[in-house]
Protein backbone atom coordinates (compact mmCIF):
# COMPACT_ATOMS: atom_id res chain seq x y z
CA MET A 1 1.28 49.26 10.71
CA PHE A 2 0.51 52.20 8.43
CA ILE A 3 -2.86 52.82 6.84
CA PHE A 4 -2.70 54.28 3.34
CA ILE A 5 -5.47 56.72 2.47
CA GLU A 6 -5.63 58.04 -1.06
CA LYS A 7 -5.02 61.76 -1.55
CA ALA A 8 -8.33 62.12 -3.40
CA VAL A 9 -10.24 60.68 -0.43
CA LEU A 10 -8.42 62.98 1.99
CA GLY A 11 -9.15 65.99 -0.22
CA MET A 12 -12.82 65.11 -0.51
CA ALA A 13 -13.14 64.50 3.23
CA PHE A 14 -11.34 67.76 4.05
CA LEU A 15 -13.70 69.74 1.82
CA ARG A 16 -16.73 68.17 3.49
CA ILE A 17 -15.33 68.92 6.95
CA LEU A 18 -14.66 72.51 5.88
CA SER A 19 -18.19 72.79 4.49
CA GLY A 20 -19.64 71.47 7.73
CA CYS A 21 -17.60 73.96 9.77
CA ILE A 22 -18.87 76.81 7.59
CA GLU A 23 -22.45 75.61 8.18
CA ILE A 24 -21.92 75.50 11.96
CA ILE A 25 -20.35 78.96 11.98
CA ALA A 26 -23.30 80.26 9.97
CA ALA A 27 -25.71 78.79 12.55
CA PHE A 28 -23.85 80.54 15.38
CA LEU A 29 -23.90 83.81 13.43
CA MET A 30 -27.66 83.50 12.99
CA ILE A 31 -28.05 83.08 16.74
CA LYS A 32 -25.68 85.97 17.43
CA PHE A 33 -27.41 88.48 15.15
CA HIS A 34 -30.85 87.40 16.39
CA THR A 35 -32.89 88.85 13.50
CA VAL A 36 -34.75 87.04 10.76
CA GLU A 37 -33.41 89.41 8.10
CA LYS A 38 -29.76 88.78 8.94
CA ALA A 39 -30.36 85.05 9.37
CA LEU A 40 -31.88 84.98 5.89
CA ILE A 41 -28.85 86.79 4.46
CA ILE A 42 -26.50 84.29 6.12
CA ASN A 43 -28.60 81.38 4.91
CA SER A 44 -28.64 82.76 1.38
CA SER A 45 -24.86 83.05 1.36
CA LEU A 46 -24.67 79.34 2.16
CA ALA A 47 -26.44 78.66 -1.14
CA PHE A 48 -23.11 79.45 -2.79
CA VAL A 49 -21.03 77.20 -0.55
CA GLY A 50 -23.02 73.96 -1.04
CA PRO A 51 -22.91 73.71 -4.85
CA THR A 52 -19.29 74.85 -4.92
CA VAL A 53 -18.25 72.09 -2.51
CA LEU A 54 -20.34 69.58 -4.50
CA VAL A 55 -18.62 70.43 -7.78
CA ILE A 56 -15.09 70.53 -6.32
CA THR A 57 -15.57 67.28 -4.37
CA THR A 58 -16.98 65.52 -7.44
CA THR A 59 -14.09 66.82 -9.54
CA ILE A 60 -11.54 65.50 -7.05
CA GLY A 61 -13.29 62.13 -6.99
CA VAL A 62 -13.45 61.88 -10.78
CA LEU A 63 -9.79 62.87 -11.09
CA GLY A 64 -8.95 60.18 -8.54
CA LEU A 65 -10.76 57.63 -10.71
CA SER A 66 -9.64 59.06 -14.05
CA GLY A 67 -7.49 56.03 -14.82
CA ASP A 68 -10.44 53.69 -14.24
CA LEU A 69 -13.16 55.67 -16.04
CA SER A 70 -13.77 56.14 -19.73
CA LEU A 71 -14.22 59.63 -21.13
CA MET A 72 -17.91 58.89 -21.72
CA LYS A 73 -18.47 57.94 -18.06
CA ILE A 74 -16.74 61.15 -16.93
CA PHE A 75 -19.04 63.10 -19.27
CA TRP A 76 -22.14 61.44 -17.76
CA ILE A 77 -20.96 62.17 -14.21
CA PHE A 78 -20.49 65.87 -14.93
CA LEU A 79 -23.77 65.98 -16.84
CA GLY A 80 -25.50 64.50 -13.78
CA VAL A 81 -23.92 67.06 -11.46
CA SER A 82 -24.96 69.81 -13.87
CA CYS A 83 -28.54 68.53 -13.83
CA ILE A 84 -28.53 68.61 -10.01
CA LEU A 85 -27.30 72.20 -9.98
CA ILE A 86 -29.80 73.30 -12.64
CA GLY A 87 -32.62 71.57 -10.77
CA VAL A 88 -31.72 73.34 -7.55
CA LYS A 89 -31.33 76.79 -9.08
CA TRP A 90 -34.53 76.86 -11.22
């Protein structure tokens, strides 16, 4: 028996796995370099990865639901994601 998984779900899961791997690699790099300054630089570079994965994953999910969602609902979803990103950055 075959299990069918939607492409959008696979894409979203893959991006989250990739993001998690990047986080783990960053943690190992912090341990390897063993200085607060370099750990802070590595941690700061992760601030770019998180929001990027959030936006791409949300986009994939919305595109996967595009047949079921109205244009107004899609607008509200992206407005909500924008508010999250603005809230985090300022």
